[in-house]
């Protein structure tokens, strides 16, 4: 599922960097034993000048049909290049 999420977002937003982390292990004991909990860290020029809510909507637009069908919870860290907190994986 993490790879599907990564592909969908990459196709839609052409990010400079993207990381999709399966955080299911952090939610053991929750409904479904934590399955479907993901964190997305993404840096894309598509986010330049946009408030957080619009950035998150763009990410949700890319994966919306997966919500409730593979994704139970999605934490999003969305930045534009050069912003504080911009994601640059090593």
N, C-alpha and C. Protein backbone atom coordinates (compact mmCIF):
# COMPACT_ATOMS: atom_id res chain seq x y z
N UNK A 1 0.82 -1.20 0.00
CA UNK A 1 0.00 0.00 0.00
C UNK A 1 0.86 1.26 0.00
N UNK A 2 1.97 1.25 0.74
CA UNK A 2 2.85 2.43 0.79
C UNK A 2 3.34 2.79 -0.61
N UNK A 3 3.68 1.80 -1.40
CA UNK A 3 4.17 2.07 -2.76
C UNK A 3 3.05 2.63 -3.64
N UNK A 4 1.85 2.14 -3.48
CA UNK A 4 0.71 2.67 -4.23
C UNK A 4 0.48 4.13 -3.88
N UNK A 5 0.53 4.45 -2.59
CA UNK A 5 0.37 5.84 -2.14
C UNK A 5 1.47 6.71 -2.74
N UNK A 6 2.71 6.24 -2.67
CA UNK A 6 3.83 7.00 -3.20
C UNK A 6 3.66 7.27 -4.70
N UNK A 7 3.29 6.25 -5.44
CA UNK A 7 3.11 6.39 -6.90
C UNK A 7 2.02 7.39 -7.23
N UNK A 8 0.89 7.27 -6.55
CA UNK A 8 -0.25 8.16 -6.81
C UNK A 8 0.12 9.62 -6.57
N UNK A 9 0.75 9.89 -5.43
CA UNK A 9 1.11 11.26 -5.08
C UNK A 9 2.20 11.78 -6.02
N UNK A 10 3.18 10.94 -6.35
CA UNK A 10 4.26 11.36 -7.25
C UNK A 10 3.70 11.72 -8.62
N UNK A 11 2.77 10.95 -9.11
CA UNK A 11 2.17 11.22 -10.42
C UNK A 11 1.40 12.54 -10.39
N UNK A 12 0.65 12.77 -9.34
CA UNK A 12 -0.20 13.96 -9.25
C UNK A 12 0.57 15.24 -8.97
N UNK A 13 1.63 15.16 -8.14
CA UNK A 13 2.26 16.39 -7.63
C UNK A 13 3.72 16.57 -8.04
N UNK A 14 4.30 15.62 -8.73
CA UNK A 14 5.68 15.73 -9.21
C UNK A 14 6.61 16.28 -8.13
N UNK A 15 6.70 15.62 -6.99
CA UNK A 15 7.48 16.16 -5.87
C UNK A 15 8.98 16.11 -6.10
N UNK A 16 9.68 17.02 -5.43
CA UNK A 16 11.14 16.96 -5.39
C UNK A 16 11.57 15.81 -4.49
N UNK A 17 10.79 15.57 -3.45
CA UNK A 17 11.05 14.44 -2.56
C UNK A 17 9.73 13.96 -1.99
N UNK A 18 9.68 12.66 -1.73
CA UNK A 18 8.49 12.08 -1.11
C UNK A 18 8.92 10.85 -0.31
N UNK A 19 8.33 10.72 0.84
CA UNK A 19 8.57 9.57 1.70
C UNK A 19 7.22 9.13 2.25
N UNK A 20 6.91 7.86 2.11
CA UNK A 20 5.69 7.30 2.66
C UNK A 20 6.11 6.28 3.70
N UNK A 21 5.66 6.49 4.93
CA UNK A 21 6.07 5.66 6.06
C UNK A 21 4.85 4.91 6.59
N UNK A 22 4.96 3.60 6.68
CA UNK A 22 3.91 2.77 7.27
C UNK A 22 4.06 2.86 8.79
N UNK A 23 3.10 3.48 9.45
CA UNK A 23 3.15 3.65 10.90
C UNK A 23 2.21 2.70 11.63
N UNK A 24 1.82 1.63 10.97
CA UNK A 24 0.88 0.70 11.57
C UNK A 24 1.36 0.14 12.89
N UNK A 25 2.66 -0.10 13.00
CA UNK A 25 3.20 -0.66 14.24
C UNK A 25 3.00 0.26 15.44
N UNK A 26 2.83 1.55 15.18
CA UNK A 26 2.61 2.51 16.27
C UNK A 26 1.17 2.47 16.78
N UNK A 27 0.32 1.77 16.06
CA UNK A 27 -1.10 1.76 16.39
C UNK A 27 -1.60 0.35 16.68
N UNK A 28 -0.71 -0.53 17.07
CA UNK A 28 -1.11 -1.89 17.43
C UNK A 28 -2.15 -1.83 18.54
N UNK A 29 -3.17 -2.64 18.42
CA UNK A 29 -4.24 -2.63 19.40
C UNK A 29 -5.43 -1.79 18.97
N UNK A 30 -5.24 -0.96 17.94
CA UNK A 30 -6.36 -0.17 17.40
C UNK A 30 -7.15 -1.06 16.45
N UNK A 31 -8.26 -0.58 16.01
CA UNK A 31 -9.08 -1.33 15.04
C UNK A 31 -8.22 -1.73 13.86
N UNK A 32 -8.27 -3.00 13.48
CA UNK A 32 -7.46 -3.49 12.37
C UNK A 32 -6.01 -3.67 12.74
N UNK A 33 -5.71 -3.60 14.04
CA UNK A 33 -4.33 -3.74 14.53
C UNK A 33 -3.38 -2.73 13.90
N UNK A 34 -3.86 -1.55 13.61
CA UNK A 34 -3.01 -0.47 13.13
C UNK A 34 -2.80 -0.47 11.64
N UNK A 35 -3.37 -1.41 10.94
CA UNK A 35 -3.19 -1.44 9.49
C UNK A 35 -3.77 -0.18 8.86
N UNK A 36 -3.07 0.33 7.86
CA UNK A 36 -3.57 1.48 7.12
C UNK A 36 -3.19 2.83 7.68
N UNK A 37 -2.26 2.88 8.63
CA UNK A 37 -1.78 4.15 9.18
C UNK A 37 -0.48 4.53 8.47
N UNK A 38 -0.49 5.67 7.78
CA UNK A 38 0.67 6.11 7.01
C UNK A 38 0.99 7.57 7.30
N UNK A 39 2.26 7.92 7.11
CA UNK A 39 2.73 9.30 7.17
C UNK A 39 3.38 9.61 5.83
N UNK A 40 3.03 10.75 5.25
CA UNK A 40 3.61 11.21 3.99
C UNK A 40 4.38 12.48 4.26
N UNK A 41 5.64 12.49 3.86
CA UNK A 41 6.47 13.71 3.88
C UNK A 41 6.76 14.03 2.43
N UNK A 42 6.33 15.20 2.02
CA UNK A 42 6.45 15.56 0.61
C UNK A 42 6.86 17.02 0.45
N UNK A 43 7.76 17.26 -0.49
CA UNK A 43 8.17 18.60 -0.88
C UNK A 43 7.89 18.74 -2.36
N UNK A 44 7.08 19.72 -2.73
CA UNK A 44 6.69 19.91 -4.13
C UNK A 44 6.47 21.39 -4.42
N UNK A 45 6.84 21.80 -5.62
CA UNK A 45 6.58 23.17 -6.05
C UNK A 45 5.08 23.43 -6.16
N UNK A 46 4.28 22.37 -6.26
CA UNK A 46 2.83 22.52 -6.33
C UNK A 46 2.27 23.17 -5.06
N UNK A 47 3.02 23.14 -3.98
CA UNK A 47 2.56 23.70 -2.71
C UNK A 47 2.96 25.16 -2.50
N UNK A 48 3.77 25.71 -3.38
CA UNK A 48 4.27 27.07 -3.21
C UNK A 48 3.13 28.06 -3.07
N UNK A 49 3.17 28.84 -1.99
CA UNK A 49 2.18 29.89 -1.76
C UNK A 49 0.83 29.41 -1.26
N UNK A 50 0.66 28.10 -1.02
CA UNK A 50 -0.62 27.58 -0.58
C UNK A 50 -0.64 27.34 0.93
N UNK A 51 -1.78 27.58 1.55
CA UNK A 51 -1.91 27.25 2.96
C UNK A 51 -1.96 25.74 3.15
N UNK A 52 -1.73 25.31 4.37
CA UNK A 52 -1.67 23.89 4.71
C UNK A 52 -2.91 23.12 4.25
N UNK A 53 -4.08 23.66 4.45
CA UNK A 53 -5.31 22.98 4.10
C UNK A 53 -5.36 22.65 2.61
N UNK A 54 -4.98 23.58 1.76
CA UNK A 54 -5.00 23.33 0.31
C UNK A 54 -3.94 22.31 -0.08
N UNK A 55 -2.81 22.31 0.59
CA UNK A 55 -1.77 21.32 0.33
C UNK A 55 -2.28 19.93 0.66
N UNK A 56 -2.92 19.81 1.82
CA UNK A 56 -3.45 18.52 2.24
C UNK A 56 -4.54 18.04 1.28
N UNK A 57 -5.37 18.95 0.81
CA UNK A 57 -6.41 18.59 -0.16
C UNK A 57 -5.80 18.03 -1.44
N UNK A 58 -4.69 18.60 -1.88
CA UNK A 58 -4.03 18.08 -3.08
C UNK A 58 -3.56 16.65 -2.87
N UNK A 59 -3.01 16.38 -1.70
CA UNK A 59 -2.56 15.02 -1.39
C UNK A 59 -3.77 14.08 -1.32
N UNK A 60 -4.81 14.49 -0.63
CA UNK A 60 -6.01 13.66 -0.53
C UNK A 60 -6.65 13.43 -1.90
N UNK A 61 -6.61 14.42 -2.78
CA UNK A 61 -7.14 14.23 -4.13
C UNK A 61 -6.41 13.10 -4.86
N UNK A 62 -5.12 12.97 -4.59
CA UNK A 62 -4.32 11.93 -5.27
C UNK A 62 -4.62 10.53 -4.74
N UNK A 63 -5.04 10.42 -3.48
CA UNK A 63 -5.24 9.10 -2.87
C UNK A 63 -6.65 8.90 -2.33
N UNK A 64 -7.54 9.82 -2.62
CA UNK A 64 -8.87 9.83 -2.01
C UNK A 64 -9.63 8.53 -2.06
N UNK A 65 -9.58 7.82 -3.17
CA UNK A 65 -10.33 6.57 -3.27
C UNK A 65 -9.73 5.46 -2.42
N UNK A 66 -8.52 5.66 -1.90
CA UNK A 66 -7.89 4.67 -1.03
C UNK A 66 -8.27 4.87 0.44
N UNK A 67 -8.85 6.04 0.75
CA UNK A 67 -9.25 6.30 2.13
C UNK A 67 -10.39 5.33 2.49
N UNK A 68 -10.17 4.56 3.53
CA UNK A 68 -11.13 3.55 3.93
C UNK A 68 -10.99 2.25 3.16
N UNK A 69 -10.11 2.24 2.17
CA UNK A 69 -9.86 1.06 1.35
C UNK A 69 -8.35 0.84 1.25
N UNK A 70 -7.72 0.70 2.39
CA UNK A 70 -6.27 0.54 2.45
C UNK A 70 -5.61 1.58 3.32
N UNK A 71 -6.19 2.79 3.32
CA UNK A 71 -5.69 3.85 4.19
C UNK A 71 -6.74 4.12 5.26
N UNK A 72 -6.36 3.95 6.50
CA UNK A 72 -7.25 4.28 7.62
C UNK A 72 -6.95 5.69 8.13
N UNK A 73 -5.67 6.03 8.19
CA UNK A 73 -5.23 7.35 8.68
C UNK A 73 -4.01 7.79 7.87
N UNK A 74 -3.98 9.07 7.54
CA UNK A 74 -2.88 9.61 6.74
C UNK A 74 -2.41 10.92 7.36
N UNK A 75 -1.18 10.92 7.89
CA UNK A 75 -0.56 12.13 8.40
C UNK A 75 0.25 12.74 7.26
N UNK A 76 0.10 14.04 7.06
CA UNK A 76 0.73 14.70 5.92
C UNK A 76 1.63 15.83 6.38
N UNK A 77 2.87 15.81 5.91
CA UNK A 77 3.82 16.92 6.10
C UNK A 77 4.16 17.41 4.70
N UNK A 78 3.53 18.52 4.29
CA UNK A 78 3.65 19.03 2.92
C UNK A 78 4.33 20.39 2.91
N UNK A 79 5.45 20.47 2.21
CA UNK A 79 6.19 21.73 2.13
C UNK A 79 6.54 22.04 0.68
N UNK A 80 6.82 23.32 0.44
CA UNK A 80 7.35 23.75 -0.85
C UNK A 80 8.88 23.80 -0.72
N UNK A 81 9.59 23.67 -1.83
CA UNK A 81 11.06 23.75 -1.77
C UNK A 81 11.51 25.05 -1.11
N UNK A 82 12.51 24.93 -0.25
CA UNK A 82 13.09 26.10 0.41
C UNK A 82 12.39 26.50 1.70
N UNK A 83 11.23 25.94 1.98
CA UNK A 83 10.53 26.26 3.22
C UNK A 83 11.18 25.54 4.40
N UNK A 84 11.05 26.15 5.57
CA UNK A 84 11.53 25.49 6.77
C UNK A 84 10.77 24.18 6.92
N UNK A 85 11.51 23.12 7.21
CA UNK A 85 10.90 21.80 7.35
C UNK A 85 10.79 21.04 6.05
N UNK A 86 11.26 21.64 4.94
CA UNK A 86 11.21 20.93 3.67
C UNK A 86 11.93 19.60 3.79
N UNK A 87 11.31 18.59 3.23
CA UNK A 87 11.81 17.23 3.36
C UNK A 87 12.88 16.96 2.30
N UNK A 88 14.07 16.63 2.73
CA UNK A 88 15.16 16.28 1.84
C UNK A 88 15.81 15.00 2.34
N UNK A 89 15.29 13.84 1.91
CA UNK A 89 15.85 12.58 2.41
C UNK A 89 17.29 12.41 1.97
N UNK A 90 18.06 11.77 2.82
CA UNK A 90 19.49 11.55 2.54
C UNK A 90 19.66 10.50 1.47
